[in-house]
PDB file of N, CA and C in Angstrom:
ATOM      1  N   MET A   1     -11.680  -2.616  16.639  1.00  0.00           N
ATOM      2  CA  MET A   1     -11.011  -1.343  16.725  1.00  0.00           C
ATOM      3  C   MET A   1     -12.076  -0.266  16.838  1.00  0.00           C
ATOM      4  N   LYS A   2     -11.765   0.777  17.531  1.00  0.00           N
ATOM      5  CA  LYS A   2     -12.684   1.905  17.680  1.00  0.00           C
ATOM      6  C   LYS A   2     -12.355   2.972  16.639  1.00  0.00           C
ATOM      7  N   MET A   3     -13.379   3.681  16.199  1.00  0.00           N
ATOM      8  CA  MET A   3     -13.213   4.728  15.194  1.00  0.00           C
ATOM      9  C   MET A   3     -12.205   5.782  15.667  1.00  0.00           C
ATOM     10  N   GLU A   4     -12.245   6.140  16.947  1.00  0.00           N
ATOM     11  CA  GLU A   4     -11.314   7.154  17.465  1.00  0.00           C
ATOM     12  C   GLU A   4      -9.866   6.682  17.375  1.00  0.00           C
ATOM     13  N   GLU A   5      -9.639   5.385  17.594  1.00  0.00           N
ATOM     14  CA  GLU A   5      -8.288   4.832  17.465  1.00  0.00           C
ATOM     15  C   GLU A   5      -7.806   4.931  16.018  1.00  0.00           C
ATOM     16  N   LEU A   6      -8.677   4.583  15.080  1.00  0.00           N
ATOM     17  CA  LEU A   6      -8.325   4.651  13.662  1.00  0.00           C
ATOM     18  C   LEU A   6      -8.023   6.080  13.253  1.00  0.00           C
ATOM     19  N   LYS A   7      -8.872   7.012  13.637  1.00  0.00           N
ATOM     20  CA  LYS A   7      -8.635   8.412  13.293  1.00  0.00           C
ATOM     21  C   LYS A   7      -7.326   8.909  13.907  1.00  0.00           C
ATOM     22  N   GLY A   8      -7.050   8.517  15.140  1.00  0.00           N
ATOM     23  CA  GLY A   8      -5.802   8.910  15.790  1.00  0.00           C
ATOM     24  C   GLY A   8      -4.586   8.377  15.069  1.00  0.00           C
ATOM     25  N   TRP A   9      -4.664   7.115  14.605  1.00  0.00           N
ATOM     26  CA  TRP A   9      -3.549   6.527  13.871  1.00  0.00           C
ATOM     27  C   TRP A   9      -3.339   7.255  12.544  1.00  0.00           C
ATOM     28  N   ILE A  10      -4.426   7.514  11.815  1.00  0.00           N
ATOM     29  CA  ILE A  10      -4.318   8.200  10.521  1.00  0.00           C
ATOM     30  C   ILE A  10      -3.711   9.586  10.701  1.00  0.00           C
ATOM     31  N   ASP A  11      -4.082  10.278  11.768  1.00  0.00           N
ATOM     32  CA  ASP A  11      -3.551  11.624  12.019  1.00  0.00           C
ATOM     33  C   ASP A  11      -2.038  11.635  12.201  1.00  0.00           C
ATOM     34  N   THR A  12      -1.447  10.507  12.611  1.00  0.00           N
ATOM     35  CA  THR A  12       0.006  10.451  12.834  1.00  0.00           C
ATOM     36  C   THR A  12       0.777  10.017  11.595  1.00  0.00           C
ATOM     37  N   GLN A  13       0.081   9.665  10.520  1.00  0.00           N
ATOM     38  CA  GLN A  13       0.740   9.128   9.326  1.00  0.00           C
ATOM     39  C   GLN A  13       0.867  10.184   8.232  1.00  0.00           C
ATOM     40  N   ASP A  14       2.038  10.263   7.617  1.00  0.00           N
ATOM     41  CA  ASP A  14       2.223  11.128   6.450  1.00  0.00           C
ATOM     42  C   ASP A  14       1.556  10.479   5.244  1.00  0.00           C
ATOM     43  N   GLY A  15       0.839  11.262   4.461  1.00  0.00           N
ATOM     44  CA  GLY A  15       0.231  10.753   3.241  1.00  0.00           C
ATOM     45  C   GLY A  15      -1.097  10.059   3.444  1.00  0.00           C
ATOM     46  N   TRP A  16      -1.633  10.098   4.658  1.00  0.00           N
ATOM     47  CA  TRP A  16      -2.935   9.505   4.949  1.00  0.00           C
ATOM     48  C   TRP A  16      -3.879  10.613   5.402  1.00  0.00           C
ATOM     49  N   ASP A  17      -5.141  10.482   5.041  1.00  0.00           N
ATOM     50  CA  ASP A  17      -6.150  11.436   5.479  1.00  0.00           C
ATOM     51  C   ASP A  17      -7.491  10.712   5.515  1.00  0.00           C
ATOM     52  N   TYR A  18      -8.458  11.304   6.175  1.00  0.00           N
ATOM     53  CA  TYR A  18      -9.775  10.676   6.247  1.00  0.00           C
ATOM     54  C   TYR A  18     -10.855  11.741   6.256  1.00  0.00           C
ATOM     55  N   GLN A  19     -12.044  11.300   5.931  1.00  0.00           N
ATOM     56  CA  GLN A  19     -13.225  12.147   6.005  1.00  0.00           C
ATOM     57  C   GLN A  19     -14.385  11.265   6.447  1.00  0.00           C
ATOM     58  N   LEU A  20     -15.119  11.712   7.451  1.00  0.00           N
ATOM     59  CA  LEU A  20     -16.278  10.959   7.930  1.00  0.00           C
ATOM     60  C   LEU A  20     -17.496  11.309   7.099  1.00  0.00           C
ATOM     61  N   ASP A  21     -18.348  10.323   6.873  1.00  0.00           N
ATOM     62  CA  ASP A  21     -19.648  10.582   6.260  1.00  0.00           C
ATOM     63  C   ASP A  21     -20.707   9.911   7.131  1.00  0.00           C
ATOM     64  N   ASP A  22     -21.943   9.929   6.716  1.00  0.00           N
ATOM     65  CA  ASP A  22     -23.008   9.387   7.556  1.00  0.00           C
ATOM     66  C   ASP A  22     -22.988   7.868   7.677  1.00  0.00           C
ATOM     67  N   LYS A  23     -22.220   7.172   6.817  1.00  0.00           N
ATOM     68  CA  LYS A  23     -22.174   5.712   6.860  1.00  0.00           C
ATOM     69  C   LYS A  23     -20.854   5.152   7.370  1.00  0.00           C
ATOM     70  N   GLY A  24     -19.813   5.998   7.468  1.00  0.00           N
ATOM     71  CA  GLY A  24     -18.517   5.496   7.910  1.00  0.00           C
ATOM     72  C   GLY A  24     -17.408   6.498   7.673  1.00  0.00           C
ATOM     73  N   ILE A  25     -16.281   5.980   7.211  1.00  0.00           N
ATOM     74  CA  ILE A  25     -15.082   6.793   7.017  1.00  0.00           C
ATOM     75  C   ILE A  25     -14.493   6.505   5.640  1.00  0.00           C
ATOM     76  N   VAL A  26     -14.052   7.554   4.970  1.00  0.00           N
ATOM     77  CA  VAL A  26     -13.346   7.424   3.697  1.00  0.00           C
ATOM     78  C   VAL A  26     -11.879   7.711   3.988  1.00  0.00           C
ATOM     79  N   ILE A  27     -11.021   6.746   3.687  1.00  0.00           N
ATOM     80  CA  ILE A  27      -9.591   6.860   3.985  1.00  0.00           C
ATOM     81  C   ILE A  27      -8.843   7.083   2.680  1.00  0.00           C
ATOM     82  N   ARG A  28      -8.010   8.138   2.654  1.00  0.00           N
ATOM     83  CA  ARG A  28      -7.196   8.452   1.477  1.00  0.00           C
ATOM     84  C   ARG A  28      -5.756   8.076   1.779  1.00  0.00           C
ATOM     85  N   ASN A  29      -5.148   7.323   0.865  1.00  0.00           N
ATOM     86  CA  ASN A  29      -3.758   6.906   0.982  1.00  0.00           C
ATOM     87  C   ASN A  29      -3.016   7.470  -0.228  1.00  0.00           C
ATOM     88  N   ASP A  30      -2.181   8.488   0.000  1.00  0.00           N
ATOM     89  CA  ASP A  30      -1.474   9.146  -1.108  1.00  0.00           C
ATOM     90  C   ASP A  30      -0.443   8.241  -1.766  1.00  0.00           C
ATOM     91  N   ARG A  31       0.193   7.355  -1.002  1.00  0.00           N
ATOM     92  CA  ARG A  31       1.239   6.499  -1.571  1.00  0.00           C
ATOM     93  C   ARG A  31       0.678   5.636  -2.696  1.00  0.00           C
ATOM     94  N   PHE A  32      -0.504   5.066  -2.478  1.00  0.00           N
ATOM     95  CA  PHE A  32      -1.102   4.193  -3.476  1.00  0.00           C
ATOM     96  C   PHE A  32      -2.206   4.876  -4.262  1.00  0.00           C
ATOM     97  N   GLU A  33      -2.454   6.139  -3.968  1.00  0.00           N
ATOM     98  CA  GLU A  33      -3.499   6.919  -4.632  1.00  0.00           C
ATOM     99  C   GLU A  33      -4.835   6.185  -4.576  1.00  0.00           C
ATOM    100  N   THR A  34      -5.238   5.813  -3.362  1.00  0.00           N
ATOM    101  CA  THR A  34      -6.483   5.074  -3.176  1.00  0.00           C
ATOM    102  C   THR A  34      -7.424   5.812  -2.232  1.00  0.00           C
ATOM    103  N   LEU A  35      -8.691   5.577  -2.431  1.00  0.00           N
ATOM    104  CA  LEU A  35      -9.745   5.990  -1.513  1.00  0.00           C
ATOM    105  C   LEU A  35     -10.482   4.725  -1.100  1.00  0.00           C
ATOM    106  N   THR A  36     -10.610   4.503   0.197  1.00  0.00           N
ATOM    107  CA  THR A  36     -11.264   3.311   0.703  1.00  0.00           C
ATOM    108  C   THR A  36     -12.357   3.721   1.676  1.00  0.00           C
ATOM    109  N   HIS A  37     -13.548   3.195   1.490  1.00  0.00           N
ATOM    110  CA  HIS A  37     -14.646   3.489   2.402  1.00  0.00           C
ATOM    111  C   HIS A  37     -14.842   2.317   3.344  1.00  0.00           C
ATOM    112  N   ALA A  38     -14.919   2.602   4.635  1.00  0.00           N
ATOM    113  CA  ALA A  38     -15.201   1.575   5.638  1.00  0.00           C
ATOM    114  C   ALA A  38     -16.407   2.029   6.447  1.00  0.00           C
ATOM    115  N   THR A  39     -17.378   1.162   6.585  1.00  0.00           N
ATOM    116  CA  THR A  39     -18.542   1.501   7.405  1.00  0.00           C
ATOM    117  C   THR A  39     -18.142   1.484   8.873  1.00  0.00           C
ATOM    118  N   PHE A  40     -18.977   2.076   9.702  1.00  0.00           N
ATOM    119  CA  PHE A  40     -18.720   2.061  11.141  1.00  0.00           C
ATOM    120  C   PHE A  40     -18.641   0.623  11.654  1.00  0.00           C
ATOM    121  N   GLU A  41     -19.498  -0.244  11.130  1.00  0.00           N
ATOM    122  CA  GLU A  41     -19.500  -1.648  11.543  1.00  0.00           C
ATOM    123  C   GLU A  41     -18.203  -2.351  11.126  1.00  0.00           C
ATOM    124  N   ALA A  42     -17.702  -2.042   9.937  1.00  0.00           N
ATOM    125  CA  ALA A  42     -16.455  -2.662   9.466  1.00  0.00           C
ATOM    126  C   ALA A  42     -15.274  -2.237  10.331  1.00  0.00           C
ATOM    127  N   VAL A  43     -15.256  -0.979  10.743  1.00  0.00           N
ATOM    128  CA  VAL A  43     -14.167  -0.507  11.608  1.00  0.00           C
ATOM    129  C   VAL A  43     -14.223  -1.230  12.947  1.00  0.00           C
ATOM    130  N   ASP A  44     -15.416  -1.361  13.507  1.00  0.00           N
ATOM    131  CA  ASP A  44     -15.561  -2.050  14.797  1.00  0.00           C
ATOM    132  C   ASP A  44     -15.165  -3.521  14.716  1.00  0.00           C
ATOM    133  N   ALA A  45     -15.405  -4.156  13.580  1.00  0.00           N
ATOM    134  CA  ALA A  45     -15.194  -5.594  13.445  1.00  0.00           C
ATOM    135  C   ALA A  45     -13.773  -5.979  13.036  1.00  0.00           C
ATOM    136  N   ASN A  46     -12.937  -5.013  12.625  1.00  0.00           N
ATOM    137  CA  ASN A  46     -11.612  -5.345  12.087  1.00  0.00           C
ATOM    138  C   ASN A  46     -10.498  -4.721  12.900  1.00  0.00           C
ATOM    139  N   THR A  47      -9.283  -5.220  12.638  1.00  0.00           N
ATOM    140  CA  THR A  47      -8.089  -4.679  13.278  1.00  0.00           C
ATOM    141  C   THR A  47      -7.516  -3.550  12.430  1.00  0.00           C
ATOM    142  N   LEU A  48      -6.612  -2.791  13.020  1.00  0.00           N
ATOM    143  CA  LEU A  48      -5.930  -1.730  12.281  1.00  0.00           C
ATOM    144  C   LEU A  48      -5.193  -2.306  11.084  1.00  0.00           C
ATOM    145  N   GLU A  49      -4.544  -3.450  11.258  1.00  0.00           N
ATOM    146  CA  GLU A  49      -3.784  -4.069  10.176  1.00  0.00           C
ATOM    147  C   GLU A  49      -4.694  -4.428   9.005  1.00  0.00           C
ATOM    148  N   ALA A  50      -5.868  -4.967   9.299  1.00  0.00           N
ATOM    149  CA  ALA A  50      -6.794  -5.354   8.233  1.00  0.00           C
ATOM    150  C   ALA A  50      -7.329  -4.131   7.493  1.00  0.00           C
ATOM    151  N   ILE A  51      -7.633  -3.094   8.226  1.00  0.00           N
ATOM    152  CA  ILE A  51      -8.171  -1.881   7.600  1.00  0.00           C
ATOM    153  C   ILE A  51      -7.111  -1.201   6.740  1.00  0.00           C
ATOM    154  N   THR A  52      -5.899  -1.048   7.261  1.00  0.00           N
ATOM    155  CA  THR A  52      -4.855  -0.381   6.485  1.00  0.00           C
ATOM    156  C   THR A  52      -4.422  -1.227   5.291  1.00  0.00           C
ATOM    157  N   ALA A  53      -4.470  -2.562   5.412  1.00  0.00           N
ATOM    158  CA  ALA A  53      -4.136  -3.427   4.273  1.00  0.00           C
ATOM    159  C   ALA A  53      -5.135  -3.233   3.148  1.00  0.00           C
ATOM    160  N   SER A  54      -6.390  -3.037   3.489  1.00  0.00           N
ATOM    161  CA  SER A  54      -7.390  -2.837   2.437  1.00  0.00           C
ATOM    162  C   SER A  54      -7.190  -1.500   1.732  1.00  0.00           C
ATOM    163  N   CYS A  55      -6.514  -0.571   2.378  1.00  0.00           N
ATOM    164  CA  CYS A  55      -6.279   0.746   1.775  1.00  0.00           C
ATOM    165  C   CYS A  55      -5.230   0.712   0.668  1.00  0.00           C
ATOM    166  N   SER A  56      -4.402  -0.331   0.615  1.00  0.00           N
ATOM    167  CA  SER A  56      -3.430  -0.436  -0.474  1.00  0.00           C
ATOM    168  C   SER A  56      -4.073  -1.042  -1.715  1.00  0.00           C
ATOM    169  N   GLN A  57      -5.206  -1.689  -1.554  1.00  0.00           N
ATOM    170  CA  GLN A  57      -5.990  -2.270  -2.645  1.00  0.00           C
ATOM    171  C   GLN A  57      -5.131  -3.126  -3.577  1.00  0.00           C
ATOM    172  N   GLY A  58      -4.254  -3.934  -2.986  1.00  0.00           N
ATOM    173  CA  GLY A  58      -3.431  -4.852  -3.762  1.00  0.00           C
ATOM    174  C   GLY A  58      -2.236  -4.201  -4.445  1.00  0.00           C
ATOM    175  N   LYS A  59      -1.972  -2.930  -4.172  1.00  0.00           N
ATOM    176  CA  LYS A  59      -0.886  -2.227  -4.847  1.00  0.00           C
ATOM    177  C   LYS A  59       0.436  -2.291  -4.079  1.00  0.00           C
ATOM    178  N   ASP A  60       0.418  -2.840  -2.874  1.00  0.00           N
ATOM    179  CA  ASP A  60       1.625  -2.905  -2.061  1.00  0.00           C
ATOM    180  C   ASP A  60       2.387  -4.181  -2.390  1.00  0.00           C
ATOM    181  N   VAL A  61       3.043  -4.179  -3.546  1.00  0.00           N
ATOM    182  CA  VAL A  61       3.744  -5.354  -4.040  1.00  0.00           C
ATOM    183  C   VAL A  61       5.234  -5.038  -4.129  1.00  0.00           C
ATOM    184  N   ASP A  62       6.043  -5.918  -3.588  1.00  0.00           N
ATOM    185  CA  ASP A  62       7.486  -5.760  -3.680  1.00  0.00           C
ATOM    186  C   ASP A  62       7.979  -6.701  -4.773  1.00  0.00           C
ATOM    187  N   HIS A  63       8.606  -6.175  -5.795  1.00  0.00           N
ATOM    188  CA  HIS A  63       9.089  -6.998  -6.899  1.00  0.00           C
ATOM    189  C   HIS A  63      10.443  -7.586  -6.532  1.00  0.00           C
ATOM    190  N   ILE A  64      10.674  -8.780  -7.005  1.00  0.00           N
ATOM    191  CA  ILE A  64      11.940  -9.465  -6.761  1.00  0.00           C
ATOM    192  C   ILE A  64      12.520  -9.847  -8.110  1.00  0.00           C
ATOM    193  N   THR A  65      13.830  -9.695  -8.244  1.00  0.00           N
ATOM    194  CA  THR A  65      14.492 -10.073  -9.487  1.00  0.00           C
ATOM    195  C   THR A  65      15.670 -10.978  -9.171  1.00  0.00           C
ATOM    196  N   ARG A  66      16.057 -11.770 -10.128  1.00  0.00           N
ATOM    197  CA  ARG A  66      17.201 -12.663  -9.961  1.00  0.00           C
ATOM    198  C   ARG A  66      18.296 -12.223 -10.909  1.00  0.00           C
ATOM    199  N   VAL A  67      19.426 -11.875 -10.342  1.00  0.00           N
ATOM    200  CA  VAL A  67      20.570 -11.435 -11.138  1.00  0.00           C
ATOM    201  C   VAL A  67      21.783 -12.237 -10.674  1.00  0.00           C
ATOM    202  N   THR A  68      22.457 -12.840 -11.595  1.00  0.00           N
ATOM    203  CA  THR A  68      23.668 -13.650 -11.351  1.00  0.00           C
ATOM    204  C   THR A  68      23.508 -14.599 -10.160  1.00  0.00           C
ATOM    205  N   GLY A  69      22.377 -15.277 -10.104  1.00  0.00           N
ATOM    206  CA  GLY A  69      22.231 -16.348  -9.140  1.00  0.00           C
ATOM    207  C   GLY A  69      21.659 -15.978  -7.784  1.00  0.00           C
ATOM    208  N   TYR A  70      21.372 -14.720  -7.518  1.00  0.00           N
ATOM    209  CA  TYR A  70      20.775 -14.381  -6.224  1.00  0.00           C
ATOM    210  C   TYR A  70      19.548 -13.499  -6.445  1.00  0.00           C
ATOM    211  N   PHE A  71      18.669 -13.497  -5.456  1.00  0.00           N
ATOM    212  CA  PHE A  71      17.439 -12.722  -5.543  1.00  0.00           C
ATOM    213  C   PHE A  71      17.612 -11.406  -4.800  1.00  0.00           C
ATOM    214  N   SER A  72      16.989 -10.366  -5.323  1.00  0.00           N
ATOM    215  CA  SER A  72      17.101  -9.032  -4.741  1.00  0.00           C
ATOM    216  C   SER A  72      15.753  -8.330  -4.831  1.00  0.00           C
ATOM    217  N   ARG A  73      15.363  -7.634  -3.771  1.00  0.00           N
ATOM    218  CA  ARG A  73      14.142  -6.841  -3.801  1.00  0.00           C
ATOM    219  C   ARG A  73      14.419  -5.528  -4.520  1.00  0.00           C
ATOM    220  N   THR A  74      13.600  -5.215  -5.485  1.00  0.00           N
ATOM    221  CA  THR A  74      13.816  -4.005  -6.268  1.00  0.00           C
ATOM    222  C   THR A  74      13.371  -2.744  -5.534  1.00  0.00           C
ATOM    223  N   SER A  75      12.621  -2.888  -4.443  1.00  0.00           N
ATOM    224  CA  SER A  75      12.166  -1.704  -3.711  1.00  0.00           C
ATOM    225  C   SER A  75      13.324  -0.938  -3.078  1.00  0.00           C
ATOM    226  N   GLY A  76      14.451  -1.588  -2.864  1.00  0.00           N
ATOM    227  CA  GLY A  76      15.605  -0.929  -2.265  1.00  0.00           C
ATOM    228  C   GLY A  76      16.580  -0.347  -3.278  1.00  0.00           C
ATOM    229  N   TRP A  77      16.279  -0.490  -4.551  1.00  0.00           N
ATOM    230  CA  TRP A  77      17.191  -0.031  -5.583  1.00  0.00           C
ATOM    231  C   TRP A  77      17.085   1.475  -5.798  1.00  0.00           C
ATOM    232  N   ASN A  78      18.177   2.067  -6.249  1.00  0.00           N
ATOM    233  CA  ASN A  78      18.164   3.501  -6.562  1.00  0.00           C
ATOM    234  C   ASN A  78      17.551   3.718  -7.954  1.00  0.00           C
ATOM    235  N   LYS A  79      17.406   4.984  -8.317  1.00  0.00           N
ATOM    236  CA  LYS A  79      16.737   5.352  -9.564  1.00  0.00           C
ATOM    237  C   LYS A  79      17.454   4.774 -10.796  1.00  0.00           C
ATOM    238  N   GLY A  80      18.774   4.792 -10.789  1.00  0.00           N
ATOM    239  CA  GLY A  80      19.536   4.278 -11.928  1.00  0.00           C
ATOM    240  C   GLY A  80      19.376   2.781 -12.106  1.00  0.00           C
ATOM    241  N   LYS A  81      19.400   2.059 -11.000  1.00  0.00           N
ATOM    242  CA  LYS A  81      19.274   0.605 -11.068  1.00  0.00           C
ATOM    243  C   LYS A  81      17.871   0.201 -11.533  1.00  0.00           C
ATOM    244  N   THR A  82      16.822   0.886 -11.055  1.00  0.00           N
ATOM    245  CA  THR A  82      15.473   0.562 -11.519  1.00  0.00           C
ATOM    246  C   THR A  82      15.309   0.918 -12.994  1.00  0.00           C
ATOM    247  N   GLY A  83      16.003   1.953 -13.455  1.00  0.00           N
ATOM    248  CA  GLY A  83      15.976   2.294 -14.871  1.00  0.00           C
ATOM    249  C   GLY A  83      16.594   1.205 -15.722  1.00  0.00           C
ATOM    250  N   GLU A  84      17.722   0.629 -15.233  1.00  0.00           N
ATOM    251  CA  GLU A  84      18.347  -0.485 -15.937  1.00  0.00           C
ATOM    252  C   GLU A  84      17.404  -1.678 -16.034  1.00  0.00           C
ATOM    253  N   LEU A  85      16.671  -1.943 -14.950  1.00  0.00           N
ATOM    254  CA  LEU A  85      15.730  -3.060 -14.955  1.00  0.00           C
ATOM    255  C   LEU A  85      14.653  -2.855 -16.012  1.00  0.00           C
ATOM    256  N   LYS A  86      14.150  -1.648 -16.145  1.00  0.00           N
ATOM    257  CA  LYS A  86      13.113  -1.363 -17.136  1.00  0.00           C
ATOM    258  C   LYS A  86      13.647  -1.484 -18.559  1.00  0.00           C
ATOM    259  N   ASP A  87      14.947  -1.215 -18.756  1.00  0.00           N
ATOM    260  CA  ASP A  87      15.549  -1.256 -20.089  1.00  0.00           C
ATOM    261  C   ASP A  87      15.956  -2.663 -20.531  1.00  0.00           C
ATOM    262  N   ARG A  88      15.921  -3.623 -19.646  1.00  0.00           N
ATOM    263  CA  ARG A  88      16.320  -4.986 -20.004  1.00  0.00           C
ATOM    264  C   ARG A  88      15.364  -5.583 -21.019  1.00  0.00           C
ATOM    265  N   HIS A  89      15.939  -6.343 -21.920  1.00  0.00           N
ATOM    266  CA  HIS A  89      15.146  -7.046 -22.921  1.00  0.00           C
ATOM    267  C   HIS A  89      14.993  -8.484 -22.485  1.00  0.00           C
ATOM    268  N   ARG A  90      13.773  -8.969 -22.489  1.00  0.00           N
ATOM    269  CA  ARG A  90      13.516 -10.347 -22.089  1.00  0.00           C
ATOM    270  C   ARG A  90      13.287 -11.189 -23.337  1.00  0.00           C
ATOM    271  N   THR A  91      13.970 -12.311 -23.389  1.00  0.00           N
ATOM    272  CA  THR A  91      13.802 -13.213 -24.533  1.00  0.00           C
ATOM    273  C   THR A  91      13.504 -14.611 -24.022  1.00  0.00           C
ATOM    274  N   LYS A  92      12.878 -15.384 -24.843  1.00  0.00           N
ATOM    275  CA  LYS A  92      12.572 -16.754 -24.491  1.00  0.00           C
ATOM    276  C   LYS A  92      13.704 -17.640 -24.997  1.00  0.00           C
ATOM    277  N   VAL A  93      14.249 -18.459 -24.123  1.00  0.00           N
ATOM    278  CA  VAL A  93      15.312 -19.384 -24.485  1.00  0.00           C
ATOM    279  C   VAL A  93      14.655 -20.681 -24.920  1.00  0.00           C
ATOM    280  N   VAL A  94      15.031 -21.137 -26.105  1.00  0.00           N
ATOM    281  CA  VAL A  94      14.422 -22.354 -26.656  1.00  0.00           C
ATOM    282  C   VAL A  94      15.369 -23.499 -26.544  1.00  0.00           C
TER     283      VAL A  94
END
């Protein structure tokens, strides 16, 4: 990937920003509150997908829960439903 392509992509994204330094680019991702530094060589050697994946720094996790026999992704739940999930008490069945 070329640095200009990466900068162009970041410019089109909400919550993303970058700053160039003498060794590469520092990418800010507001969603995950991360700062990621990529050297010029790393940008040239990787794809957009690989670079943007590193910007989440392992924080892009979708939780799944099982309720009454089926699985559901919690990322699609509203505020009230996620509150109920946090209030649940977990016990060990012996």
